Amino acid sequence: MRKEARRQRVFLTVAAGDLVLARPVTARLYAAGGLTLDQGLTSEPFATVRGEIVRASLLTRLRRCTSLLCLYGARTLDDDWVRWALETAAELKLPLLGAPLDDGAKDVELFLSRLGAELVPLD
């Protein structure tokens, strides 16, 4: 009986404002296979009772992942959900990866580096 390769479960986070840039990238990641992507995108307001419920759910999902991938762009640091996911994954000691969606996000790269993320190219 052939053993199937174990898929890595990666938590994917991207700012809602960068979704247009992220969609083709996530489509390529899905098509390549080998990964199970658990997307943490939400449109819920962050600082609400409902936001607390969403954070609890996302925390459960993060704990099942082997790493976190942040597709980052100009809007990344403006997104409370992305910053929360990154900081929480760092607290959980998950490996963090950051891949740029566009140029000009040096402040995001500095933030990711401070969290211990490895910056990787998309190609």
PDB file of N, CA and C in Angstrom:
ATOM      1  N   MET A   1       0.838  -1.165   0.000  1.00  0.00           N
ATOM      2  CA  MET A   1       0.000   0.000   0.000  1.00  0.00           C
ATOM      3  C   MET A   1       0.890   1.238   0.000  1.00  0.00           C
ATOM      4  N   ARG A   2       0.617   2.150  -0.935  1.00  0.00           N
ATOM      5  CA  ARG A   2       1.430   3.353  -1.070  1.00  0.00           C
ATOM      6  C   ARG A   2       1.025   4.400  -0.046  1.00  0.00           C
ATOM      7  N   LYS A   3       2.019   4.941   0.612  1.00  0.00           N
ATOM      8  CA  LYS A   3       1.763   5.979   1.595  1.00  0.00           C
ATOM      9  C   LYS A   3       1.695   7.333   0.899  1.00  0.00           C
ATOM     10  N   GLU A   4       0.631   8.124   1.161  1.00  0.00           N
ATOM     11  CA  GLU A   4       0.524   9.451   0.571  1.00  0.00           C
ATOM     12  C   GLU A   4       1.455  10.410   1.293  1.00  0.00           C
ATOM     13  N   ALA A   5       2.024  11.339   0.527  1.00  0.00           N
ATOM     14  CA  ALA A   5       2.886  12.350   1.121  1.00  0.00           C
ATOM     15  C   ALA A   5       2.050  13.228   2.047  1.00  0.00           C
ATOM     16  N   ARG A   6       2.617  13.542   3.181  1.00  0.00           N
ATOM     17  CA  ARG A   6       1.913  14.374   4.153  1.00  0.00           C
ATOM     18  C   ARG A   6       1.967  15.824   3.694  1.00  0.00           C
ATOM     19  N   ARG A   7       0.817  16.448   3.632  1.00  0.00           N
ATOM     20  CA  ARG A   7       0.739  17.837   3.205  1.00  0.00           C
ATOM     21  C   ARG A   7       1.006  18.752   4.393  1.00  0.00           C
ATOM     22  N   GLN A   8       1.738  19.803   4.129  1.00  0.00           N
ATOM     23  CA  GLN A   8       1.994  20.816   5.135  1.00  0.00           C
ATOM     24  C   GLN A   8       0.773  21.725   5.229  1.00  0.00           C
ATOM     25  N   ARG A   9       0.333  21.989   6.445  1.00  0.00           N
ATOM     26  CA  ARG A   9      -0.804  22.885   6.658  1.00  0.00           C
ATOM     27  C   ARG A   9      -0.236  24.266   6.982  1.00  0.00           C
ATOM     28  N   VAL A  10      -0.437  25.210   6.075  1.00  0.00           N
ATOM     29  CA  VAL A  10       0.113  26.555   6.193  1.00  0.00           C
ATOM     30  C   VAL A  10      -1.018  27.551   6.397  1.00  0.00           C
ATOM     31  N   PHE A  11      -0.883  28.372   7.422  1.00  0.00           N
ATOM     32  CA  PHE A  11      -1.852  29.437   7.664  1.00  0.00           C
ATOM     33  C   PHE A  11      -1.450  30.611   6.789  1.00  0.00           C
ATOM     34  N   LEU A  12      -2.354  31.051   5.942  1.00  0.00           N
ATOM     35  CA  LEU A  12      -2.093  32.127   4.999  1.00  0.00           C
ATOM     36  C   LEU A  12      -2.783  33.393   5.486  1.00  0.00           C
ATOM     37  N   THR A  13      -2.035  34.484   5.575  1.00  0.00           N
ATOM     38  CA  THR A  13      -2.632  35.754   5.940  1.00  0.00           C
ATOM     39  C   THR A  13      -2.236  36.818   4.934  1.00  0.00           C
ATOM     40  N   VAL A  14      -3.202  37.675   4.626  1.00  0.00           N
ATOM     41  CA  VAL A  14      -3.006  38.762   3.666  1.00  0.00           C
ATOM     42  C   VAL A  14      -3.982  39.870   4.034  1.00  0.00           C
ATOM     43  N   ALA A  15      -3.555  41.104   3.873  1.00  0.00           N
ATOM     44  CA  ALA A  15      -4.433  42.238   4.165  1.00  0.00           C
ATOM     45  C   ALA A  15      -5.590  42.265   3.173  1.00  0.00           C
ATOM     46  N   ALA A  16      -6.766  42.578   3.670  1.00  0.00           N
ATOM     47  CA  ALA A  16      -7.946  42.649   2.800  1.00  0.00           C
ATOM     48  C   ALA A  16      -7.710  43.615   1.646  1.00  0.00           C
ATOM     49  N   GLY A  17      -6.978  44.694   1.893  1.00  0.00           N
ATOM     50  CA  GLY A  17      -6.697  45.668   0.844  1.00  0.00           C
ATOM     51  C   GLY A  17      -5.752  45.171  -0.229  1.00  0.00           C
ATOM     52  N   ASP A  18      -5.082  44.060   0.018  1.00  0.00           N
ATOM     53  CA  ASP A  18      -4.134  43.493  -0.951  1.00  0.00           C
ATOM     54  C   ASP A  18      -4.692  42.249  -1.646  1.00  0.00           C
ATOM     55  N   LEU A  19      -5.974  41.978  -1.471  1.00  0.00           N
ATOM     56  CA  LEU A  19      -6.558  40.758  -2.036  1.00  0.00           C
ATOM     57  C   LEU A  19      -6.424  40.662  -3.553  1.00  0.00           C
ATOM     58  N   VAL A  20      -6.584  41.767  -4.239  1.00  0.00           N
ATOM     59  CA  VAL A  20      -6.483  41.734  -5.704  1.00  0.00           C
ATOM     60  C   VAL A  20      -5.114  41.212  -6.130  1.00  0.00           C
ATOM     61  N   LEU A  21      -4.065  41.634  -5.425  1.00  0.00           N
ATOM     62  CA  LEU A  21      -2.715  41.158  -5.740  1.00  0.00           C
ATOM     63  C   LEU A  21      -2.493  39.717  -5.282  1.00  0.00           C
ATOM     64  N   ALA A  22      -3.151  39.326  -4.203  1.00  0.00           N
ATOM     65  CA  ALA A  22      -2.918  38.005  -3.604  1.00  0.00           C
ATOM     66  C   ALA A  22      -3.642  36.870  -4.324  1.00  0.00           C
ATOM     67  N   ARG A  23      -4.764  37.139  -4.942  1.00  0.00           N
ATOM     68  CA  ARG A  23      -5.561  36.059  -5.555  1.00  0.00           C
ATOM     69  C   ARG A  23      -4.798  35.228  -6.576  1.00  0.00           C
ATOM     70  N   PRO A  24      -4.052  35.825  -7.514  1.00  0.00           N
ATOM     71  CA  PRO A  24      -3.310  34.988  -8.459  1.00  0.00           C
ATOM     72  C   PRO A  24      -2.228  34.148  -7.769  1.00  0.00           C
ATOM     73  N   VAL A  25      -1.636  34.700  -6.723  1.00  0.00           N
ATOM     74  CA  VAL A  25      -0.597  33.967  -5.981  1.00  0.00           C
ATOM     75  C   VAL A  25      -1.208  32.772  -5.268  1.00  0.00           C
ATOM     76  N   THR A  26      -2.326  32.981  -4.585  1.00  0.00           N
ATOM     77  CA  THR A  26      -2.952  31.864  -3.868  1.00  0.00           C
ATOM     78  C   THR A  26      -3.446  30.808  -4.853  1.00  0.00           C
ATOM     79  N   ALA A  27      -3.906  31.221  -6.014  1.00  0.00           N
ATOM     80  CA  ALA A  27      -4.328  30.253  -7.034  1.00  0.00           C
ATOM     81  C   ALA A  27      -3.150  29.380  -7.460  1.00  0.00           C
ATOM     82  N   ARG A  28      -1.963  29.992  -7.639  1.00  0.00           N
ATOM     83  CA  ARG A  28      -0.760  29.222  -8.003  1.00  0.00           C
ATOM     84  C   ARG A  28      -0.369  28.264  -6.877  1.00  0.00           C
ATOM     85  N   LEU A  29      -0.483  28.723  -5.630  1.00  0.00           N
ATOM     86  CA  LEU A  29      -0.125  27.856  -4.500  1.00  0.00           C
ATOM     87  C   LEU A  29      -1.055  26.649  -4.421  1.00  0.00           C
ATOM     88  N   TYR A  30      -2.348  26.875  -4.605  1.00  0.00           N
ATOM     89  CA  TYR A  30      -3.296  25.758  -4.600  1.00  0.00           C
ATOM     90  C   TYR A  30      -3.003  24.787  -5.738  1.00  0.00           C
ATOM     91  N   ALA A  31      -2.735  25.331  -6.922  1.00  0.00           N
ATOM     92  CA  ALA A  31      -2.493  24.490  -8.090  1.00  0.00           C
ATOM     93  C   ALA A  31      -1.227  23.653  -7.952  1.00  0.00           C
ATOM     94  N   ALA A  32      -0.221  24.189  -7.283  1.00  0.00           N
ATOM     95  CA  ALA A  32       1.047  23.471  -7.122  1.00  0.00           C
ATOM     96  C   ALA A  32       0.898  22.254  -6.228  1.00  0.00           C
ATOM     97  N   GLY A  33      -0.085  22.267  -5.322  1.00  0.00           N
ATOM     98  CA  GLY A  33      -0.299  21.143  -4.419  1.00  0.00           C
ATOM     99  C   GLY A  33       0.786  21.069  -3.354  1.00  0.00           C
ATOM    100  N   GLY A  34       0.713  20.057  -2.530  1.00  0.00           N
ATOM    101  CA  GLY A  34       1.705  19.866  -1.481  1.00  0.00           C
ATOM    102  C   GLY A  34       1.422  20.648  -0.216  1.00  0.00           C
ATOM    103  N   LEU A  35       0.543  21.635  -0.308  1.00  0.00           N
ATOM    104  CA  LEU A  35       0.202  22.456   0.847  1.00  0.00           C
ATOM    105  C   LEU A  35      -1.305  22.444   1.066  1.00  0.00           C
ATOM    106  N   THR A  36      -1.676  22.523   2.305  1.00  0.00           N
ATOM    107  CA  THR A  36      -3.058  22.816   2.642  1.00  0.00           C
ATOM    108  C   THR A  36      -3.039  24.226   3.196  1.00  0.00           C
ATOM    109  N   LEU A  37      -3.738  25.138   2.529  1.00  0.00           N
ATOM    110  CA  LEU A  37      -3.749  26.527   2.963  1.00  0.00           C
ATOM    111  C   LEU A  37      -4.977  26.790   3.821  1.00  0.00           C
ATOM    112  N   ASP A  38      -4.747  27.350   4.971  1.00  0.00           N
ATOM    113  CA  ASP A  38      -5.812  27.724   5.891  1.00  0.00           C
ATOM    114  C   ASP A  38      -5.826  29.245   5.916  1.00  0.00           C
ATOM    115  N   GLN A  39      -6.748  29.851   5.208  1.00  0.00           N
ATOM    116  CA  GLN A  39      -6.766  31.307   5.096  1.00  0.00           C
ATOM    117  C   GLN A  39      -7.462  31.946   6.283  1.00  0.00           C
ATOM    118  N   GLY A  40      -6.830  32.971   6.820  1.00  0.00           N
ATOM    119  CA  GLY A  40      -7.361  33.662   7.981  1.00  0.00           C
ATOM    120  C   GLY A  40      -7.973  34.997   7.653  1.00  0.00           C
ATOM    121  N   LEU A  41      -8.513  35.156   6.467  1.00  0.00           N
ATOM    122  CA  LEU A  41      -9.072  36.438   6.056  1.00  0.00           C
ATOM    123  C   LEU A  41     -10.454  36.635   6.669  1.00  0.00           C
ATOM    124  N   THR A  42     -10.677  37.795   7.236  1.00  0.00           N
ATOM    125  CA  THR A  42     -11.988  38.113   7.783  1.00  0.00           C
ATOM    126  C   THR A  42     -12.294  39.581   7.559  1.00  0.00           C
ATOM    127  N   SER A  43     -13.568  39.880   7.425  1.00  0.00           N
ATOM    128  CA  SER A  43     -13.991  41.271   7.272  1.00  0.00           C
ATOM    129  C   SER A  43     -14.635  41.791   8.553  1.00  0.00           C
ATOM    130  N   GLU A  44     -14.617  40.965   9.587  1.00  0.00           N
ATOM    131  CA  GLU A  44     -15.187  41.378  10.873  1.00  0.00           C
ATOM    132  C   GLU A  44     -14.376  42.529  11.462  1.00  0.00           C
ATOM    133  N   PRO A  45     -15.041  43.485  12.114  1.00  0.00           N
ATOM    134  CA  PRO A  45     -14.283  44.507  12.846  1.00  0.00           C
ATOM    135  C   PRO A  45     -13.441  43.837  13.933  1.00  0.00           C
ATOM    136  N   PHE A  46     -12.228  44.302  14.118  1.00  0.00           N
ATOM    137  CA  PHE A  46     -11.277  43.650  15.022  1.00  0.00           C
ATOM    138  C   PHE A  46     -11.660  43.809  16.493  1.00  0.00           C
ATOM    139  N   ALA A  47     -11.941  45.014  16.920  1.00  0.00           N
ATOM    140  CA  ALA A  47     -12.136  45.307  18.350  1.00  0.00           C
ATOM    141  C   ALA A  47     -13.608  45.237  18.741  1.00  0.00           C
ATOM    142  N   THR A  48     -14.207  44.068  18.590  1.00  0.00           N
ATOM    143  CA  THR A  48     -15.607  43.852  18.959  1.00  0.00           C
ATOM    144  C   THR A  48     -15.727  42.498  19.651  1.00  0.00           C
ATOM    145  N   VAL A  49     -16.899  42.254  20.238  1.00  0.00           N
ATOM    146  CA  VAL A  49     -17.153  40.941  20.841  1.00  0.00           C
ATOM    147  C   VAL A  49     -17.084  39.865  19.755  1.00  0.00           C
ATOM    148  N   ARG A  50     -17.651  40.141  18.604  1.00  0.00           N
ATOM    149  CA  ARG A  50     -17.596  39.184  17.481  1.00  0.00           C
ATOM    150  C   ARG A  50     -16.138  38.960  17.067  1.00  0.00           C
ATOM    151  N   GLY A  51     -15.337  40.030  17.091  1.00  0.00           N
ATOM    152  CA  GLY A  51     -13.919  39.902  16.777  1.00  0.00           C
ATOM    153  C   GLY A  51     -13.214  38.959  17.724  1.00  0.00           C
ATOM    154  N   GLU A  52     -13.585  38.983  19.011  1.00  0.00           N
ATOM    155  CA  GLU A  52     -12.993  38.055  19.988  1.00  0.00           C
ATOM    156  C   GLU A  52     -13.318  36.615  19.633  1.00  0.00           C
ATOM    157  N   ILE A  53     -14.548  36.388  19.198  1.00  0.00           N
ATOM    158  CA  ILE A  53     -14.960  35.031  18.803  1.00  0.00           C
ATOM    159  C   ILE A  53     -14.163  34.577  17.577  1.00  0.00           C
ATOM    160  N   VAL A  54     -14.003  35.476  16.617  1.00  0.00           N
ATOM    161  CA  VAL A  54     -13.233  35.152  15.406  1.00  0.00           C
ATOM    162  C   VAL A  54     -11.777  34.865  15.777  1.00  0.00           C
ATOM    163  N   ARG A  55     -11.194  35.675  16.654  1.00  0.00           N
ATOM    164  CA  ARG A  55      -9.801  35.432  17.073  1.00  0.00           C
ATOM    165  C   ARG A  55      -9.657  34.068  17.741  1.00  0.00           C
ATOM    166  N   ALA A  56     -10.615  33.677  18.572  1.00  0.00           N
ATOM    167  CA  ALA A  56     -10.557  32.354  19.215  1.00  0.00           C
ATOM    168  C   ALA A  56     -10.587  31.246  18.164  1.00  0.00           C
ATOM    169  N   SER A  57     -11.423  31.405  17.149  1.00  0.00           N
ATOM    170  CA  SER A  57     -11.499  30.414  16.077  1.00  0.00           C
ATOM    171  C   SER A  57     -10.191  30.370  15.280  1.00  0.00           C
ATOM    172  N   LEU A  58      -9.660  31.548  14.955  1.00  0.00           N
ATOM    173  CA  LEU A  58      -8.404  31.593  14.207  1.00  0.00           C
ATOM    174  C   LEU A  58      -7.250  31.011  15.011  1.00  0.00           C
ATOM    175  N   LEU A  59      -7.257  31.230  16.318  1.00  0.00           N
ATOM    176  CA  LEU A  59      -6.207  30.671  17.172  1.00  0.00           C
ATOM    177  C   LEU A  59      -6.231  29.147  17.120  1.00  0.00           C
ATOM    178  N   THR A  60      -7.412  28.566  17.162  1.00  0.00           N
ATOM    179  CA  THR A  60      -7.537  27.111  17.051  1.00  0.00           C
ATOM    180  C   THR A  60      -6.972  26.628  15.727  1.00  0.00           C
ATOM    181  N   ARG A  61      -7.276  27.341  14.650  1.00  0.00           N
ATOM    182  CA  ARG A  61      -6.768  26.961  13.332  1.00  0.00           C
ATOM    183  C   ARG A  61      -5.261  27.148  13.244  1.00  0.00           C
ATOM    184  N   LEU A  62      -4.751  28.234  13.811  1.00  0.00           N
ATOM    185  CA  LEU A  62      -3.295  28.471  13.807  1.00  0.00           C
ATOM    186  C   LEU A  62      -2.553  27.337  14.498  1.00  0.00           C
ATOM    187  N   ARG A  63      -3.097  26.862  15.584  1.00  0.00           N
ATOM    188  CA  ARG A  63      -2.439  25.787  16.346  1.00  0.00           C
ATOM    189  C   ARG A  63      -2.339  24.493  15.558  1.00  0.00           C
ATOM    190  N   ARG A  64      -3.157  24.319  14.534  1.00  0.00           N
ATOM    191  CA  ARG A  64      -3.115  23.113  13.698  1.00  0.00           C
ATOM    192  C   ARG A  64      -2.164  23.248  12.520  1.00  0.00           C
ATOM    193  N   CYS A  65      -1.607  24.434  12.348  1.00  0.00           N
ATOM    194  CA  CYS A  65      -0.745  24.693  11.196  1.00  0.00           C
ATOM    195  C   CYS A  65       0.725  24.471  11.548  1.00  0.00           C
ATOM    196  N   THR A  66       1.503  24.194  10.514  1.00  0.00           N
ATOM    197  CA  THR A  66       2.940  23.978  10.697  1.00  0.00           C
ATOM    198  C   THR A  66       3.743  25.255  10.500  1.00  0.00           C
ATOM    199  N   SER A  67       3.118  26.270   9.877  1.00  0.00           N
ATOM    200  CA  SER A  67       3.792  27.549   9.645  1.00  0.00           C
ATOM    201  C   SER A  67       2.754  28.587   9.236  1.00  0.00           C
ATOM    202  N   LEU A  68       3.223  29.830   9.112  1.00  0.00           N
ATOM    203  CA  LEU A  68       2.363  30.925   8.648  1.00  0.00           C
ATOM    204  C   LEU A  68       3.054  31.606   7.481  1.00  0.00           C
ATOM    205  N   LEU A  69       2.297  31.868   6.437  1.00  0.00           N
ATOM    206  CA  LEU A  69       2.784  32.608   5.273  1.00  0.00           C
ATOM    207  C   LEU A  69       2.003  33.902   5.174  1.00  0.00           C
ATOM    208  N   CYS A  70       2.722  35.015   5.179  1.00  0.00           N
ATOM    209  CA  CYS A  70       2.109  36.325   4.995  1.00  0.00           C
ATOM    210  C   CYS A  70       2.462  36.828   3.607  1.00  0.00           C
ATOM    211  N   LEU A  71       1.448  37.015   2.777  1.00  0.00           N
ATOM    212  CA  LEU A  71       1.640  37.669   1.491  1.00  0.00           C
ATOM    213  C   LEU A  71       1.477  39.150   1.786  1.00  0.00           C
ATOM    214  N   TYR A  72       2.571  39.895   1.705  1.00  0.00           N
ATOM    215  CA  TYR A  72       2.512  41.276   2.186  1.00  0.00           C
ATOM    216  C   TYR A  72       2.635  42.300   1.076  1.00  0.00           C
ATOM    217  N   GLY A  73       2.018  43.426   1.348  1.00  0.00           N
ATOM    218  CA  GLY A  73       2.041  44.553   0.423  1.00  0.00           C
ATOM    219  C   GLY A  73       1.920  45.851   1.202  1.00  0.00           C
ATOM    220  N   ALA A  74       1.560  46.895   0.518  1.00  0.00           N
ATOM    221  CA  ALA A  74       1.506  48.230   1.107  1.00  0.00           C
ATOM    222  C   ALA A  74       0.478  48.344   2.236  1.00  0.00           C
ATOM    223  N   ARG A  75      -0.546  47.512   2.244  1.00  0.00           N
ATOM    224  CA  ARG A  75      -1.615  47.628   3.242  1.00  0.00           C
ATOM    225  C   ARG A  75      -1.474  46.674   4.423  1.00  0.00           C
ATOM    226  N   THR A  76      -0.444  45.886   4.454  1.00  0.00           N
ATOM    227  CA  THR A  76      -0.295  44.857   5.485  1.00  0.00           C
ATOM    228  C   THR A  76      -0.334  45.410   6.899  1.00  0.00           C
ATOM    229  N   LEU A  77       0.447  46.424   7.177  1.00  0.00           N
ATOM    230  CA  LEU A  77       0.520  46.939   8.551  1.00  0.00           C
ATOM    231  C   LEU A  77      -0.738  47.685   8.965  1.00  0.00           C
ATOM    232  N   ASP A  78      -1.594  48.039   8.013  1.00  0.00           N
ATOM    233  CA  ASP A  78      -2.856  48.703   8.336  1.00  0.00           C
ATOM    234  C   ASP A  78      -3.945  47.708   8.714  1.00  0.00           C
ATOM    235  N   ASP A  79      -3.690  46.426   8.545  1.00  0.00           N
ATOM    236  CA  ASP A  79      -4.700  45.394   8.782  1.00  0.00           C
ATOM    237  C   ASP A  79      -4.486  44.758  10.160  1.00  0.00           C
ATOM    238  N   ASP A  80      -5.397  45.049  11.102  1.00  0.00           N
ATOM    239  CA  ASP A  80      -5.291  44.504  12.467  1.00  0.00           C
ATOM    240  C   ASP A  80      -5.265  42.986  12.488  1.00  0.00           C
ATOM    241  N   TRP A  81      -6.031  42.352  11.597  1.00  0.00           N
ATOM    242  CA  TRP A  81      -6.101  40.888  11.575  1.00  0.00           C
ATOM    243  C   TRP A  81      -4.769  40.270  11.168  1.00  0.00           C
ATOM    244  N   VAL A  82      -4.109  40.864  10.185  1.00  0.00           N
ATOM    245  CA  VAL A  82      -2.821  40.338   9.736  1.00  0.00           C
ATOM    246  C   VAL A  82      -1.780  40.499  10.836  1.00  0.00           C
ATOM    247  N   ARG A  83      -1.721  41.682  11.434  1.00  0.00           N
ATOM    248  CA  ARG A  83      -0.754  41.895  12.523  1.00  0.00           C
ATOM    249  C   ARG A  83      -1.023  40.935  13.678  1.00  0.00           C
ATOM    250  N   TRP A  84      -2.296  40.725  14.013  1.00  0.00           N
ATOM    251  CA  TRP A  84      -2.639  39.788  15.095  1.00  0.00           C
ATOM    252  C   TRP A  84      -2.177  38.369  14.733  1.00  0.00           C
ATOM    253  N   ALA A  85      -2.466  37.922  13.506  1.00  0.00           N
ATOM    254  CA  ALA A  85      -2.077  36.563  13.087  1.00  0.00           C
ATOM    255  C   ALA A  85      -0.564  36.389  13.159  1.00  0.00           C
ATOM    256  N   LEU A  86       0.172  37.383  12.680  1.00  0.00           N
ATOM    257  CA  LEU A  86       1.640  37.300  12.713  1.00  0.00           C
ATOM    258  C   LEU A  86       2.169  37.258  14.140  1.00  0.00           C
ATOM    259  N   GLU A  87       1.692  38.151  14.980  1.00  0.00           N
ATOM    260  CA  GLU A  87       2.167  38.201  16.364  1.00  0.00           C
ATOM    261  C   GLU A  87       1.774  36.941  17.126  1.00  0.00           C
ATOM    262  N   THR A  88       0.577  36.428  16.876  1.00  0.00           N
ATOM    263  CA  THR A  88       0.125  35.211  17.552  1.00  0.00           C
ATOM    264  C   THR A  88       0.935  34.003  17.092  1.00  0.00           C
ATOM    265  N   ALA A  89       1.180  33.898  15.795  1.00  0.00           N
ATOM    266  CA  ALA A  89       1.992  32.789  15.279  1.00  0.00           C
ATOM    267  C   ALA A  89       3.402  32.853  15.856  1.00  0.00           C
ATOM    268  N   ALA A  90       3.952  34.058  15.990  1.00  0.00           N
ATOM    269  CA  ALA A  90       5.285  34.203  16.587  1.00  0.00           C
ATOM    270  C   ALA A  90       5.266  33.734  18.048  1.00  0.00           C
ATOM    271  N   GLU A  91       4.212  34.082  18.783  1.00  0.00           N
ATOM    272  CA  GLU A  91       4.089  33.625  20.177  1.00  0.00           C
ATOM    273  C   GLU A  91       3.986  32.102  20.257  1.00  0.00           C
ATOM    274  N   LEU A  92       3.324  31.505  19.267  1.00  0.00           N
ATOM    275  CA  LEU A  92       3.189  30.043  19.207  1.00  0.00           C
ATOM    276  C   LEU A  92       4.460  29.368  18.694  1.00  0.00           C
ATOM    277  N   LYS A  93       5.437  30.190  18.305  1.00  0.00           N
ATOM    278  CA  LYS A  93       6.721  29.712  17.786  1.00  0.00           C
ATOM    279  C   LYS A  93       6.578  28.943  16.475  1.00  0.00           C
ATOM    280  N   LEU A  94       5.590  29.350  15.667  1.00  0.00           N
ATOM    281  CA  LEU A  94       5.451  28.780  14.331  1.00  0.00           C
ATOM    282  C   LEU A  94       6.463  29.443  13.408  1.00  0.00           C
ATOM    283  N   PRO A  95       7.021  28.708  12.484  1.00  0.00           N
ATOM    284  CA  PRO A  95       7.879  29.347  11.482  1.00  0.00           C
ATOM    285  C   PRO A  95       7.055  30.360  10.685  1.00  0.00           C
ATOM    286  N   LEU A  96       7.622  31.550  10.494  1.00  0.00           N
ATOM    287  CA  LEU A  96       6.953  32.624   9.757  1.00  0.00           C
ATOM    288  C   LEU A  96       7.663  32.868   8.441  1.00  0.00           C
ATOM    289  N   LEU A  97       6.881  32.985   7.388  1.00  0.00           N
ATOM    290  CA  LEU A  97       7.403  33.301   6.069  1.00  0.00           C
ATOM    291  C   LEU A  97       6.668  34.532   5.563  1.00  0.00           C
ATOM    292  N   GLY A  98       7.398  35.401   4.889  1.00  0.00           N
ATOM    293  CA  GLY A  98       6.792  36.570   4.276  1.00  0.00           C
ATOM    294  C   GLY A  98       7.192  36.637   2.824  1.00  0.00           C
ATOM    295  N   ALA A  99       6.213  36.839   1.948  1.00  0.00           N
ATOM    296  CA  ALA A  99       6.479  36.947   0.511  1.00  0.00           C
ATOM    297  C   ALA A  99       5.838  38.228  -0.004  1.00  0.00           C
ATOM    298  N   PRO A 100       6.619  39.061  -0.705  1.00  0.00           N
ATOM    299  CA  PRO A 100       6.096  40.353  -1.164  1.00  0.00           C
ATOM    300  C   PRO A 100       5.147  40.222  -2.354  1.00  0.00           C
ATOM    301  N   LEU A 101       4.067  40.978  -2.295  1.00  0.00           N
ATOM    302  CA  LEU A 101       3.129  41.054  -3.414  1.00  0.00           C
ATOM    303  C   LEU A 101       3.510  42.157  -4.386  1.00  0.00           C
ATOM    304  N   ASP A 102       4.253  43.148  -3.872  1.00  0.00           N
ATOM    305  CA  ASP A 102       4.679  44.272  -4.701  1.00  0.00           C
ATOM    306  C   ASP A 102       5.929  44.883  -4.076  1.00  0.00           C
ATOM    307  N   ASP A 103       6.464  45.886  -4.725  1.00  0.00           N
ATOM    308  CA  ASP A 103       7.626  46.596  -4.198  1.00  0.00           C
ATOM    309  C   ASP A 103       7.168  47.699  -3.242  1.00  0.00           C
ATOM    310  N   GLY A 104       8.083  48.190  -2.448  1.00  0.00           N
ATOM    311  CA  GLY A 104       7.788  49.341  -1.619  1.00  0.00           C
ATOM    312  C   GLY A 104       7.173  49.031  -0.274  1.00  0.00           C
ATOM    313  N   ALA A 105       7.398  47.853   0.251  1.00  0.00           N
ATOM    314  CA  ALA A 105       6.844  47.489   1.555  1.00  0.00           C
ATOM    315  C   ALA A 105       7.980  47.267   2.556  1.00  0.00           C
ATOM    316  N   LYS A 106       8.965  48.154   2.542  1.00  0.00           N
ATOM    317  CA  LYS A 106      10.138  48.001   3.420  1.00  0.00           C
ATOM    318  C   LYS A 106       9.760  48.030   4.893  1.00  0.00           C
ATOM    319  N   ASP A 107       8.746  48.848   5.271  1.00  0.00           N
ATOM    320  CA  ASP A 107       8.315  48.899   6.664  1.00  0.00           C
ATOM    321  C   ASP A 107       7.719  47.566   7.100  1.00  0.00           C
ATOM    322  N   VAL A 108       7.032  46.880   6.169  1.00  0.00           N
ATOM    323  CA  VAL A 108       6.478  45.556   6.465  1.00  0.00           C
ATOM    324  C   VAL A 108       7.620  44.562   6.637  1.00  0.00           C
ATOM    325  N   GLU A 109       8.626  44.639   5.787  1.00  0.00           N
ATOM    326  CA  GLU A 109       9.768  43.731   5.891  1.00  0.00           C
ATOM    327  C   GLU A 109      10.482  43.907   7.225  1.00  0.00           C
ATOM    328  N   LEU A 110      10.604  45.125   7.686  1.00  0.00           N
ATOM    329  CA  LEU A 110      11.220  45.385   8.988  1.00  0.00           C
ATOM    330  C   LEU A 110      10.383  44.763  10.104  1.00  0.00           C
ATOM    331  N   PHE A 111       9.069  44.942  10.052  1.00  0.00           N
ATOM    332  CA  PHE A 111       8.157  44.355  11.038  1.00  0.00           C
ATOM    333  C   PHE A 111       8.278  42.832  11.036  1.00  0.00           C
ATOM    334  N   LEU A 112       8.259  42.229   9.846  1.00  0.00           N
ATOM    335  CA  LEU A 112       8.360  40.770   9.738  1.00  0.00           C
ATOM    336  C   LEU A 112       9.710  40.276  10.266  1.00  0.00           C
ATOM    337  N   SER A 113      10.764  40.982   9.947  1.00  0.00           N
ATOM    338  CA  SER A 113      12.099  40.594  10.417  1.00  0.00           C
ATOM    339  C   SER A 113      12.175  40.632  11.936  1.00  0.00           C
ATOM    340  N   ARG A 114      11.566  41.628  12.530  1.00  0.00           N
ATOM    341  CA  ARG A 114      11.561  41.725  14.003  1.00  0.00           C
ATOM    342  C   ARG A 114      10.833  40.548  14.648  1.00  0.00           C
ATOM    343  N   LEU A 115       9.847  39.998  13.925  1.00  0.00           N
ATOM    344  CA  LEU A 115       9.128  38.830  14.431  1.00  0.00           C
ATOM    345  C   LEU A 115       9.889  37.530  14.169  1.00  0.00           C
ATOM    346  N   GLY A 116      10.960  37.611  13.387  1.00  0.00           N
ATOM    347  CA  GLY A 116      11.740  36.419  13.066  1.00  0.00           C
ATOM    348  C   GLY A 116      11.302  35.726  11.791  1.00  0.00           C
ATOM    349  N   ALA A 117      10.555  36.425  10.941  1.00  0.00           N
ATOM    350  CA  ALA A 117      10.082  35.820   9.696  1.00  0.00           C
ATOM    351  C   ALA A 117      11.205  35.718   8.671  1.00  0.00           C
ATOM    352  N   GLU A 118      11.141  34.669   7.901  1.00  0.00           N
ATOM    353  CA  GLU A 118      12.037  34.517   6.758  1.00  0.00           C
ATOM    354  C   GLU A 118      11.348  35.127   5.547  1.00  0.00           C
ATOM    355  N   LEU A 119      12.018  36.057   4.889  1.00  0.00           N
ATOM    356  CA  LEU A 119      11.458  36.696   3.711  1.00  0.00           C
ATOM    357  C   LEU A 119      11.847  35.887   2.478  1.00  0.00           C
ATOM    358  N   VAL A 120      10.838  35.512   1.695  1.00  0.00           N
ATOM    359  CA  VAL A 120      11.076  34.653   0.530  1.00  0.00           C
ATOM    360  C   VAL A 120      10.453  35.280  -0.714  1.00  0.00           C
ATOM    361  N   PRO A 121      11.053  35.073  -1.883  1.00  0.00           N
ATOM    362  CA  PRO A 121      10.460  35.590  -3.125  1.00  0.00           C
ATOM    363  C   PRO A 121       9.293  34.715  -3.534  1.00  0.00           C
ATOM    364  N   LEU A 122       8.399  35.275  -4.324  1.00  0.00           N
ATOM    365  CA  LEU A 122       7.236  34.517  -4.799  1.00  0.00           C
ATOM    366  C   LEU A 122       7.565  33.582  -5.950  1.00  0.00           C
ATOM    367  N   ASP A 123       8.662  33.786  -6.648  1.00  0.00           N
ATOM    368  CA  ASP A 123       8.948  32.925  -7.793  1.00  0.00           C
ATOM    369  C   ASP A 123       9.671  31.666  -7.426  1.00  0.00           C
TER     370      ASP A 123
END
